Amino acid sequence: MSTIPVSAAERDQMLTAEFKAFAKSINVDLIGIANIERFADVAANRHPCSIFPEAQSVVVIGKRITRGTLRGVEEGTQFSLYSQYGRDWLNNRFLAMCTFKASEFLEDHGWEAVPLPNLPPETPPMGIPVREGQPAPNVMIDFEDAAVRAGVGEIGLCGVLLTPQYGPRQRIQLILTDAPLVPDALLSKPVCDRCAQREPICPMGAIQADAAQTVEVCGVSMTVAPVDYSLCRRCANGAAPNPHYATGKPDRLAALCTRSCLAHLEENGLVENTFENAFRKRRPWQIIDERRIIS
């Protein structure tokens, strides 16, 4: 029986479709693919090819932070469940298993895959270059930047990754692979409507909305405000220290600013994952400092 020859483009499309179907079967909530050409303007100490020179594709793998995981923080009564299901376990167990299994799928099909945890790009070099002209270890990729290049989302005004599906409610990891996967389209419709320019969402004034600037990544224009992370590190409104590096950006995904962003996006129909009841049901609590609590 004769076989119909398959072109390289058709082969790549089939592999990509099978890969995405597999990712869905292991409960990946978000997946985006960027070809390596989209990183042409990235410095060597942040570039995927500094880790894997033969990389052809960068895959963003994501799992949602379930909205109920944020409930105890929103009410100000239970913070540990978020630290487990929204941060530690979600990153290091649930998402990590998805990333590793997706990497195994690619390697089972003959393509090398490098799984990467989301480590802070602010981490300085911790060694010396082993070859002339090569960056020092460890090379740290900016994951949120990679997510924009893979069409997963955009950076919102308040400086966190927003996706059309979940707004700010996700964790992401990466896979570098030499598989010539078909890249996804870049985000064409903004998620962020710059609500923080109209109503302050940080009680400490860390988000400098009046100084926002346009940032462009792969042709995607985003309005992003400077954030004073020294204030975020003192925030008692749901922010947490970076678990990997002391001067890395604090984890703000359960902080008042990000929860306010989430509430606004849902109320205005700007995210796809919807619920029967509103996330924010009453005026949120705010701690200005140890002596002043506003509710």
C-alpha atoms as a PDB file:
ATOM      1  CA  MET A   1       0.000   0.000   0.000  1.00  0.00           C
ATOM      2  CA  SER A   2       1.425   3.362  -1.037  1.00  0.00           C
ATOM      3  CA  THR A   3       1.683   6.195   1.442  1.00  0.00           C
ATOM      4  CA  ILE A   4       1.019   9.840   0.727  1.00  0.00           C
ATOM      5  CA  PRO A   5       4.157  11.886   1.377  1.00  0.00           C
ATOM      6  CA  VAL A   6       3.837  14.429   4.166  1.00  0.00           C
ATOM      7  CA  SER A   7       5.520  17.796   3.876  1.00  0.00           C
ATOM      8  CA  ALA A   8       7.614  19.237   6.696  1.00  0.00           C
ATOM      9  CA  ALA A   9       4.932  21.850   7.340  1.00  0.00           C
ATOM     10  CA  GLU A  10       2.233  19.188   7.593  1.00  0.00           C
ATOM     11  CA  ARG A  11       4.433  17.130   9.926  1.00  0.00           C
ATOM     12  CA  ASP A  12       4.969  20.138  12.188  1.00  0.00           C
ATOM     13  CA  GLN A  13       1.232  20.875  12.259  1.00  0.00           C
ATOM     14  CA  MET A  14       0.396  17.290  13.177  1.00  0.00           C
ATOM     15  CA  LEU A  15       3.017  17.176  15.931  1.00  0.00           C
ATOM     16  CA  THR A  16       1.766  20.476  17.329  1.00  0.00           C
ATOM     17  CA  ALA A  17      -1.846  19.315  17.317  1.00  0.00           C
ATOM     18  CA  GLU A  18      -0.934  16.031  19.025  1.00  0.00           C
ATOM     19  CA  PHE A  19       1.203  17.859  21.578  1.00  0.00           C
ATOM     20  CA  LYS A  20      -1.569  20.307  22.465  1.00  0.00           C
ATOM     21  CA  ALA A  21      -4.116  17.500  22.696  1.00  0.00           C
ATOM     22  CA  PHE A  22      -1.797  15.649  25.072  1.00  0.00           C
ATOM     23  CA  ALA A  23      -1.298  18.777  27.165  1.00  0.00           C
ATOM     24  CA  LYS A  24      -5.066  19.149  27.488  1.00  0.00           C
ATOM     25  CA  SER A  25      -5.369  15.492  28.519  1.00  0.00           C
ATOM     26  CA  ILE A  26      -2.995  16.062  31.471  1.00  0.00           C
ATOM     27  CA  ASN A  27      -5.018  19.094  32.616  1.00  0.00           C
ATOM     28  CA  VAL A  28      -2.847  21.901  31.313  1.00  0.00           C
ATOM     29  CA  ASP A  29      -5.025  25.021  31.401  1.00  0.00           C
ATOM     30  CA  LEU A  30      -2.865  27.273  29.219  1.00  0.00           C
ATOM     31  CA  ILE A  31      -0.416  26.513  26.454  1.00  0.00           C
ATOM     32  CA  GLY A  32       1.318  28.862  24.054  1.00  0.00           C
ATOM     33  CA  ILE A  33       4.134  28.359  21.568  1.00  0.00           C
ATOM     34  CA  ALA A  34       6.679  30.878  20.297  1.00  0.00           C
ATOM     35  CA  ASN A  35       9.234  30.148  17.616  1.00  0.00           C
ATOM     36  CA  ILE A  36      12.785  31.048  18.548  1.00  0.00           C
ATOM     37  CA  GLU A  37      12.810  33.934  16.059  1.00  0.00           C
ATOM     38  CA  ARG A  38      10.503  35.871  18.382  1.00  0.00           C
ATOM     39  CA  PHE A  39      13.408  36.138  20.876  1.00  0.00           C
ATOM     40  CA  ALA A  40      15.786  37.827  18.426  1.00  0.00           C
ATOM     41  CA  ASP A  41      15.944  41.022  20.495  1.00  0.00           C
ATOM     42  CA  VAL A  42      16.553  39.272  23.839  1.00  0.00           C
ATOM     43  CA  ALA A  43      19.986  39.582  25.474  1.00  0.00           C
ATOM     44  CA  ALA A  44      22.156  36.480  25.778  1.00  0.00           C
ATOM     45  CA  ASN A  45      21.796  36.324  29.568  1.00  0.00           C
ATOM     46  CA  ARG A  46      17.998  35.989  29.120  1.00  0.00           C
ATOM     47  CA  HIS A  47      17.893  34.080  25.838  1.00  0.00           C
ATOM     48  CA  PRO A  48      16.557  30.506  25.558  1.00  0.00           C
ATOM     49  CA  CYS A  49      19.379  29.555  23.173  1.00  0.00           C
ATOM     50  CA  SER A  50      21.922  30.306  25.879  1.00  0.00           C
ATOM     51  CA  ILE A  51      20.452  27.302  27.684  1.00  0.00           C
ATOM     52  CA  PHE A  52      19.625  25.161  24.640  1.00  0.00           C
ATOM     53  CA  PRO A  53      21.402  26.422  21.493  1.00  0.00           C
ATOM     54  CA  GLU A  54      19.360  24.192  19.179  1.00  0.00           C
ATOM     55  CA  ALA A  55      15.992  25.359  20.556  1.00  0.00           C
ATOM     56  CA  GLN A  56      13.416  26.014  17.844  1.00  0.00           C
ATOM     57  CA  SER A  57      10.360  26.547  20.043  1.00  0.00           C
ATOM     58  CA  VAL A  58       9.546  27.934  23.466  1.00  0.00           C
ATOM     59  CA  VAL A  59       6.441  26.435  25.047  1.00  0.00           C
ATOM     60  CA  VAL A  60       4.572  28.157  27.865  1.00  0.00           C
ATOM     61  CA  ILE A  61       2.679  25.738  30.118  1.00  0.00           C
ATOM     62  CA  GLY A  62       0.157  27.141  32.591  1.00  0.00           C
ATOM     63  CA  LYS A  63      -2.280  26.103  35.272  1.00  0.00           C
ATOM     64  CA  ARG A  64      -4.923  28.335  36.750  1.00  0.00           C
ATOM     65  CA  ILE A  65      -5.056  29.500  40.327  1.00  0.00           C
ATOM     66  CA  THR A  66      -8.562  28.418  41.236  1.00  0.00           C
ATOM     67  CA  ARG A  67     -10.593  31.416  42.330  1.00  0.00           C
ATOM     68  CA  GLY A  68     -11.624  29.737  45.577  1.00  0.00           C
ATOM     69  CA  THR A  69      -7.962  29.461  46.527  1.00  0.00           C
ATOM     70  CA  LEU A  70      -7.996  33.254  46.879  1.00  0.00           C
ATOM     71  CA  ARG A  71     -11.137  33.311  49.031  1.00  0.00           C
ATOM     72  CA  GLY A  72      -9.406  33.156  52.421  1.00  0.00           C
ATOM     73  CA  VAL A  73      -7.062  35.994  51.436  1.00  0.00           C
ATOM     74  CA  GLU A  74      -9.920  38.106  50.098  1.00  0.00           C
ATOM     75  CA  GLU A  75     -11.787  37.659  53.386  1.00  0.00           C
ATOM     76  CA  GLY A  76      -8.599  38.143  55.424  1.00  0.00           C
ATOM     77  CA  THR A  77      -9.221  34.990  57.430  1.00  0.00           C
ATOM     78  CA  GLN A  78      -7.165  32.137  55.888  1.00  0.00           C
ATOM     79  CA  PHE A  79      -3.834  32.603  54.124  1.00  0.00           C
ATOM     80  CA  SER A  80      -2.189  29.169  54.273  1.00  0.00           C
ATOM     81  CA  LEU A  81      -4.482  27.485  51.739  1.00  0.00           C
ATOM     82  CA  TYR A  82      -3.358  30.011  49.117  1.00  0.00           C
ATOM     83  CA  SER A  83       0.298  29.415  49.953  1.00  0.00           C
ATOM     84  CA  GLN A  84      -0.260  25.727  49.215  1.00  0.00           C
ATOM     85  CA  TYR A  85      -2.808  25.517  46.387  1.00  0.00           C
ATOM     86  CA  GLY A  86      -2.095  28.907  44.826  1.00  0.00           C
ATOM     87  CA  ARG A  87       1.676  29.067  45.132  1.00  0.00           C
ATOM     88  CA  ASP A  88       3.857  26.264  46.538  1.00  0.00           C
ATOM     89  CA  TRP A  89       2.018  23.085  45.549  1.00  0.00           C
ATOM     90  CA  LEU A  90       0.647  24.612  42.373  1.00  0.00           C
ATOM     91  CA  ASN A  91       4.133  25.574  41.190  1.00  0.00           C
ATOM     92  CA  ASN A  92       6.202  22.717  42.510  1.00  0.00           C
ATOM     93  CA  ARG A  93       3.783  19.798  42.212  1.00  0.00           C
ATOM     94  CA  PHE A  94       0.720  20.270  40.024  1.00  0.00           C
ATOM     95  CA  LEU A  95       2.262  22.501  37.341  1.00  0.00           C
ATOM     96  CA  ALA A  96       5.684  20.880  37.534  1.00  0.00           C
ATOM     97  CA  MET A  97       4.171  17.462  36.774  1.00  0.00           C
ATOM     98  CA  CYS A  98       2.352  18.880  33.747  1.00  0.00           C
ATOM     99  CA  THR A  99       5.561  20.497  32.490  1.00  0.00           C
ATOM    100  CA  PHE A 100       7.545  17.299  32.964  1.00  0.00           C
ATOM    101  CA  LYS A 101       4.937  15.066  31.301  1.00  0.00           C
ATOM    102  CA  ALA A 102       4.699  17.450  28.345  1.00  0.00           C
ATOM    103  CA  SER A 103       8.492  17.310  28.079  1.00  0.00           C
ATOM    104  CA  GLU A 104       8.337  13.507  28.100  1.00  0.00           C
ATOM    105  CA  PHE A 105       5.802  13.603  25.255  1.00  0.00           C
ATOM    106  CA  LEU A 106       8.191  15.598  23.084  1.00  0.00           C
ATOM    107  CA  GLU A 107      11.126  13.343  23.908  1.00  0.00           C
ATOM    108  CA  ASP A 108       9.014  10.247  23.190  1.00  0.00           C
ATOM    109  CA  HIS A 109       8.534  11.722  19.709  1.00  0.00           C
ATOM    110  CA  GLY A 110      12.260  12.242  19.160  1.00  0.00           C
ATOM    111  CA  TRP A 111      12.641  15.886  20.156  1.00  0.00           C
ATOM    112  CA  GLU A 112      14.716  17.121  23.081  1.00  0.00           C
ATOM    113  CA  ALA A 113      12.817  19.112  25.725  1.00  0.00           C
ATOM    114  CA  VAL A 114      14.195  21.304  28.527  1.00  0.00           C
ATOM    115  CA  PRO A 115      11.680  21.912  31.351  1.00  0.00           C
ATOM    116  CA  LEU A 116      12.198  25.163  33.234  1.00  0.00           C
ATOM    117  CA  PRO A 117      10.703  26.300  36.553  1.00  0.00           C
ATOM    118  CA  ASN A 118       9.744  29.954  36.926  1.00  0.00           C
ATOM    119  CA  LEU A 119      12.799  31.423  38.647  1.00  0.00           C
ATOM    120  CA  PRO A 120      13.226  35.193  39.080  1.00  0.00           C
ATOM    121  CA  PRO A 121      15.073  36.841  36.190  1.00  0.00           C
ATOM    122  CA  GLU A 122      16.461  39.351  38.697  1.00  0.00           C
ATOM    123  CA  THR A 123      18.777  36.643  40.062  1.00  0.00           C
ATOM    124  CA  PRO A 124      22.382  37.725  39.334  1.00  0.00           C
ATOM    125  CA  PRO A 125      24.998  35.404  37.788  1.00  0.00           C
ATOM    126  CA  MET A 126      26.290  32.799  40.220  1.00  0.00           C
ATOM    127  CA  GLY A 127      29.380  31.622  38.370  1.00  0.00           C
ATOM    128  CA  ILE A 128      31.827  32.485  35.591  1.00  0.00           C
ATOM    129  CA  PRO A 129      31.441  31.853  31.834  1.00  0.00           C
ATOM    130  CA  VAL A 130      32.809  28.468  30.802  1.00  0.00           C
ATOM    131  CA  ARG A 131      33.515  29.677  27.232  1.00  0.00           C
ATOM    132  CA  GLU A 132      34.540  33.026  25.800  1.00  0.00           C
ATOM    133  CA  GLY A 133      31.545  35.077  24.748  1.00  0.00           C
ATOM    134  CA  GLN A 134      29.087  32.906  26.670  1.00  0.00           C
ATOM    135  CA  PRO A 135      26.963  34.326  29.518  1.00  0.00           C
ATOM    136  CA  ALA A 136      27.719  33.289  33.065  1.00  0.00           C
ATOM    137  CA  PRO A 137      25.481  30.794  34.866  1.00  0.00           C
ATOM    138  CA  ASN A 138      22.721  30.865  35.663  1.00  0.00           C
ATOM    139  CA  VAL A 139      20.806  32.202  32.638  1.00  0.00           C
ATOM    140  CA  MET A 140      17.322  33.229  33.772  1.00  0.00           C
ATOM    141  CA  ILE A 141      14.562  33.712  31.194  1.00  0.00           C
ATOM    142  CA  ASP A 142      11.888  36.316  31.848  1.00  0.00           C
ATOM    143  CA  PHE A 143       8.821  34.064  31.880  1.00  0.00           C
ATOM    144  CA  GLU A 144       6.198  36.806  31.617  1.00  0.00           C
ATOM    145  CA  ASP A 145       8.034  38.239  28.615  1.00  0.00           C
ATOM    146  CA  ALA A 146       8.093  34.727  27.102  1.00  0.00           C
ATOM    147  CA  ALA A 147       4.354  34.366  27.706  1.00  0.00           C
ATOM    148  CA  VAL A 148       3.711  37.517  25.663  1.00  0.00           C
ATOM    149  CA  ARG A 149       5.936  36.178  22.856  1.00  0.00           C
ATOM    150  CA  ALA A 150       3.991  32.891  22.925  1.00  0.00           C
ATOM    151  CA  GLY A 151       0.608  34.602  22.626  1.00  0.00           C
ATOM    152  CA  VAL A 152      -0.543  33.563  26.100  1.00  0.00           C
ATOM    153  CA  GLY A 153      -1.291  37.047  27.387  1.00  0.00           C
ATOM    154  CA  GLU A 154       0.031  40.525  28.107  1.00  0.00           C
ATOM    155  CA  ILE A 155       1.614  42.463  30.955  1.00  0.00           C
ATOM    156  CA  GLY A 156      -1.082  44.574  32.602  1.00  0.00           C
ATOM    157  CA  LEU A 157      -0.733  48.101  33.915  1.00  0.00           C
ATOM    158  CA  CYS A 158       0.015  46.765  37.417  1.00  0.00           C
ATOM    159  CA  GLY A 159       2.917  44.675  36.106  1.00  0.00           C
ATOM    160  CA  VAL A 160       1.563  41.107  36.225  1.00  0.00           C
ATOM    161  CA  LEU A 161       0.743  38.691  33.417  1.00  0.00           C
ATOM    162  CA  LEU A 162      -2.905  38.816  32.345  1.00  0.00           C
ATOM    163  CA  THR A 163      -4.523  36.184  30.119  1.00  0.00           C
ATOM    164  CA  PRO A 164      -7.889  36.336  28.348  1.00  0.00           C
ATOM    165  CA  GLN A 165      -8.956  33.177  30.158  1.00  0.00           C
ATOM    166  CA  TYR A 166      -8.115  33.944  33.789  1.00  0.00           C
ATOM    167  CA  GLY A 167      -6.793  37.492  34.070  1.00  0.00           C
ATOM    168  CA  PRO A 168      -3.974  37.280  36.655  1.00  0.00           C
ATOM    169  CA  ARG A 169      -4.935  33.822  37.994  1.00  0.00           C
ATOM    170  CA  GLN A 170      -2.224  31.501  36.664  1.00  0.00           C
ATOM    171  CA  ARG A 171       1.221  30.065  37.193  1.00  0.00           C
ATOM    172  CA  ILE A 172       3.464  29.291  34.223  1.00  0.00           C
ATOM    173  CA  GLN A 173       6.552  27.250  33.401  1.00  0.00           C
ATOM    174  CA  LEU A 174       8.504  26.797  30.156  1.00  0.00           C
ATOM    175  CA  ILE A 175       9.767  24.064  27.880  1.00  0.00           C
ATOM    176  CA  LEU A 176      12.579  24.694  25.403  1.00  0.00           C
ATOM    177  CA  THR A 177      12.597  22.217  22.542  1.00  0.00           C
ATOM    178  CA  ASP A 178      14.230  21.605  19.180  1.00  0.00           C
ATOM    179  CA  ALA A 179      10.823  20.483  17.862  1.00  0.00           C
ATOM    180  CA  PRO A 180       9.670  22.821  15.063  1.00  0.00           C
ATOM    181  CA  LEU A 181       6.252  23.441  16.601  1.00  0.00           C
ATOM    182  CA  VAL A 182       3.777  25.816  14.966  1.00  0.00           C
ATOM    183  CA  PRO A 183       3.789  29.133  16.864  1.00  0.00           C
ATOM    184  CA  ASP A 184       0.599  30.621  18.236  1.00  0.00           C
ATOM    185  CA  ALA A 185      -0.701  34.011  17.202  1.00  0.00           C
ATOM    186  CA  LEU A 186       0.221  36.919  19.431  1.00  0.00           C
ATOM    187  CA  LEU A 187      -2.484  38.454  21.606  1.00  0.00           C
ATOM    188  CA  SER A 188      -4.505  40.841  19.441  1.00  0.00           C
ATOM    189  CA  LYS A 189      -7.089  42.149  21.927  1.00  0.00           C
ATOM    190  CA  PRO A 190      -5.891  43.687  25.215  1.00  0.00           C
ATOM    191  CA  VAL A 191      -7.085  42.243  28.520  1.00  0.00           C
ATOM    192  CA  CYS A 192      -6.103  45.232  30.678  1.00  0.00           C
ATOM    193  CA  ASP A 193      -8.262  48.359  30.459  1.00  0.00           C
ATOM    194  CA  ARG A 194      -5.925  50.375  32.744  1.00  0.00           C
ATOM    195  CA  CYS A 195      -8.380  50.583  35.613  1.00  0.00           C
ATOM    196  CA  ALA A 196      -5.574  51.450  38.046  1.00  0.00           C
ATOM    197  CA  GLN A 197      -5.138  54.779  36.274  1.00  0.00           C
ATOM    198  CA  ARG A 198      -8.696  55.653  37.269  1.00  0.00           C
ATOM    199  CA  GLU A 199      -8.799  54.219  40.783  1.00  0.00           C
ATOM    200  CA  PRO A 200      -5.715  53.404  42.908  1.00  0.00           C
ATOM    201  CA  ILE A 201      -5.540  49.707  43.826  1.00  0.00           C
ATOM    202  CA  CYS A 202      -2.478  49.725  46.096  1.00  0.00           C
ATOM    203  CA  PRO A 203      -2.937  51.251  49.569  1.00  0.00           C
ATOM    204  CA  MET A 204       0.826  51.755  49.841  1.00  0.00           C
ATOM    205  CA  GLY A 205       1.170  53.601  46.536  1.00  0.00           C
ATOM    206  CA  ALA A 206       3.611  51.091  45.044  1.00  0.00           C
ATOM    207  CA  ILE A 207       1.988  51.156  41.588  1.00  0.00           C
ATOM    208  CA  GLN A 208       2.909  54.467  39.955  1.00  0.00           C
ATOM    209  CA  ALA A 209       0.074  54.579  37.429  1.00  0.00           C
ATOM    210  CA  ASP A 210       0.686  58.211  36.512  1.00  0.00           C
ATOM    211  CA  ALA A 211       4.171  57.277  35.265  1.00  0.00           C
ATOM    212  CA  ALA A 212       3.026  54.389  33.067  1.00  0.00           C
ATOM    213  CA  GLN A 213       4.872  53.845  29.802  1.00  0.00           C
ATOM    214  CA  THR A 214       4.249  51.894  26.623  1.00  0.00           C
ATOM    215  CA  VAL A 215       6.233  48.667  26.419  1.00  0.00           C
ATOM    216  CA  GLU A 216       6.411  46.680  23.188  1.00  0.00           C
ATOM    217  CA  VAL A 217       7.219  42.979  22.938  1.00  0.00           C
ATOM    218  CA  CYS A 218       7.072  41.308  19.515  1.00  0.00           C
ATOM    219  CA  GLY A 219       4.837  44.092  18.270  1.00  0.00           C
ATOM    220  CA  VAL A 220       2.430  43.771  21.212  1.00  0.00           C
ATOM    221  CA  SER A 221       2.067  47.213  22.829  1.00  0.00           C
ATOM    222  CA  MET A 222       1.266  47.294  26.547  1.00  0.00           C
ATOM    223  CA  THR A 223       0.909  50.148  29.020  1.00  0.00           C
ATOM    224  CA  VAL A 224       2.874  49.208  32.152  1.00  0.00           C
ATOM    225  CA  ALA A 225       3.353  51.261  35.310  1.00  0.00           C
ATOM    226  CA  PRO A 226       6.558  51.327  37.372  1.00  0.00           C
ATOM    227  CA  VAL A 227       6.208  49.401  40.640  1.00  0.00           C
ATOM    228  CA  ASP A 228       8.136  50.207  43.798  1.00  0.00           C
ATOM    229  CA  TYR A 229       8.905  46.654  44.897  1.00  0.00           C
ATOM    230  CA  SER A 230      10.534  47.882  48.103  1.00  0.00           C
ATOM    231  CA  LEU A 231       7.007  48.827  49.189  1.00  0.00           C
ATOM    232  CA  CYS A 232       5.611  45.500  47.941  1.00  0.00           C
ATOM    233  CA  ARG A 233       8.084  43.676  50.170  1.00  0.00           C
ATOM    234  CA  ARG A 234       6.481  45.374  53.186  1.00  0.00           C
ATOM    235  CA  CYS A 235       2.938  44.747  51.976  1.00  0.00           C
ATOM    236  CA  ALA A 236       0.684  42.926  54.434  1.00  0.00           C
ATOM    237  CA  ASN A 237      -2.299  42.852  52.053  1.00  0.00           C
ATOM    238  CA  GLY A 238      -1.609  39.409  50.586  1.00  0.00           C
ATOM    239  CA  ALA A 239       1.834  39.799  48.997  1.00  0.00           C
ATOM    240  CA  ALA A 240       4.490  37.188  49.774  1.00  0.00           C
ATOM    241  CA  PRO A 241       8.306  37.180  49.542  1.00  0.00           C
ATOM    242  CA  ASN A 242       9.895  35.683  46.477  1.00  0.00           C
ATOM    243  CA  PRO A 243      10.672  32.078  47.495  1.00  0.00           C
ATOM    244  CA  HIS A 244      13.769  31.761  45.307  1.00  0.00           C
ATOM    245  CA  TYR A 245      15.738  34.980  45.590  1.00  0.00           C
ATOM    246  CA  ALA A 246      15.565  37.699  48.215  1.00  0.00           C
ATOM    247  CA  THR A 247      15.665  40.624  45.779  1.00  0.00           C
ATOM    248  CA  GLY A 248      13.344  38.978  43.245  1.00  0.00           C
ATOM    249  CA  LYS A 249       9.932  40.496  42.763  1.00  0.00           C
ATOM    250  CA  PRO A 250       7.491  39.629  45.572  1.00  0.00           C
ATOM    251  CA  ASP A 251       4.610  37.298  44.760  1.00  0.00           C
ATOM    252  CA  ARG A 252       1.675  39.669  44.274  1.00  0.00           C
ATOM    253  CA  LEU A 253      -0.888  37.270  42.789  1.00  0.00           C
ATOM    254  CA  ALA A 254      -2.904  37.219  46.037  1.00  0.00           C
ATOM    255  CA  ALA A 255      -2.165  40.829  47.007  1.00  0.00           C
ATOM    256  CA  LEU A 256      -4.888  43.473  47.174  1.00  0.00           C
ATOM    257  CA  CYS A 257      -3.737  45.065  43.916  1.00  0.00           C
ATOM    258  CA  THR A 258      -4.034  41.830  41.923  1.00  0.00           C
ATOM    259  CA  ARG A 259      -7.270  40.753  43.613  1.00  0.00           C
ATOM    260  CA  SER A 260      -8.720  44.172  42.750  1.00  0.00           C
ATOM    261  CA  CYS A 261      -7.564  43.686  39.162  1.00  0.00           C
ATOM    262  CA  LEU A 262      -9.271  40.294  39.077  1.00  0.00           C
ATOM    263  CA  ALA A 263     -12.521  41.673  40.503  1.00  0.00           C
ATOM    264  CA  HIS A 264     -12.546  44.479  37.941  1.00  0.00           C
ATOM    265  CA  LEU A 265     -11.831  42.207  34.974  1.00  0.00           C
ATOM    266  CA  GLU A 266     -14.624  39.839  35.991  1.00  0.00           C
ATOM    267  CA  GLU A 267     -17.141  42.609  36.675  1.00  0.00           C
ATOM    268  CA  ASN A 268     -16.509  44.082  33.239  1.00  0.00           C
ATOM    269  CA  GLY A 269     -16.570  40.840  31.259  1.00  0.00           C
ATOM    270  CA  LEU A 270     -12.890  40.983  30.335  1.00  0.00           C
ATOM    271  CA  VAL A 271     -12.042  37.351  31.213  1.00  0.00           C
ATOM    272  CA  GLU A 272     -13.512  34.126  29.853  1.00  0.00           C
ATOM    273  CA  ASN A 273     -13.605  32.051  33.057  1.00  0.00           C
ATOM    274  CA  THR A 274     -16.845  33.238  34.687  1.00  0.00           C
ATOM    275  CA  PHE A 275     -18.754  32.362  37.855  1.00  0.00           C
ATOM    276  CA  GLU A 276     -22.281  32.469  39.228  1.00  0.00           C
ATOM    277  CA  ASN A 277     -21.331  34.931  41.977  1.00  0.00           C
ATOM    278  CA  ALA A 278     -19.029  37.950  42.080  1.00  0.00           C
ATOM    279  CA  PHE A 279     -15.546  37.521  43.524  1.00  0.00           C
ATOM    280  CA  ARG A 280     -15.644  40.732  45.568  1.00  0.00           C
ATOM    281  CA  LYS A 281     -18.727  40.974  47.767  1.00  0.00           C
ATOM    282  CA  ARG A 282     -17.789  43.785  50.131  1.00  0.00           C
ATOM    283  CA  ARG A 283     -15.236  46.546  50.558  1.00  0.00           C
ATOM    284  CA  PRO A 284     -11.818  44.882  50.813  1.00  0.00           C
ATOM    285  CA  TRP A 285      -9.723  45.079  53.953  1.00  0.00           C
ATOM    286  CA  GLN A 286      -6.489  47.073  53.728  1.00  0.00           C
ATOM    287  CA  ILE A 287      -3.496  47.287  56.023  1.00  0.00           C
ATOM    288  CA  ILE A 288      -1.595  50.535  55.594  1.00  0.00           C
ATOM    289  CA  ASP A 289       0.859  49.673  58.354  1.00  0.00           C
ATOM    290  CA  GLU A 290       0.823  47.738  61.612  1.00  0.00           C
ATOM    291  CA  ARG A 291      -1.234  50.480  63.286  1.00  0.00           C
ATOM    292  CA  ARG A 292      -3.829  51.236  60.617  1.00  0.00           C
ATOM    293  CA  ILE A 293      -6.327  48.765  59.184  1.00  0.00           C
ATOM    294  CA  ILE A 294      -9.065  49.998  56.829  1.00  0.00           C
ATOM    295  CA  SER A 295     -12.047  47.803  56.043  1.00  0.00           C
END
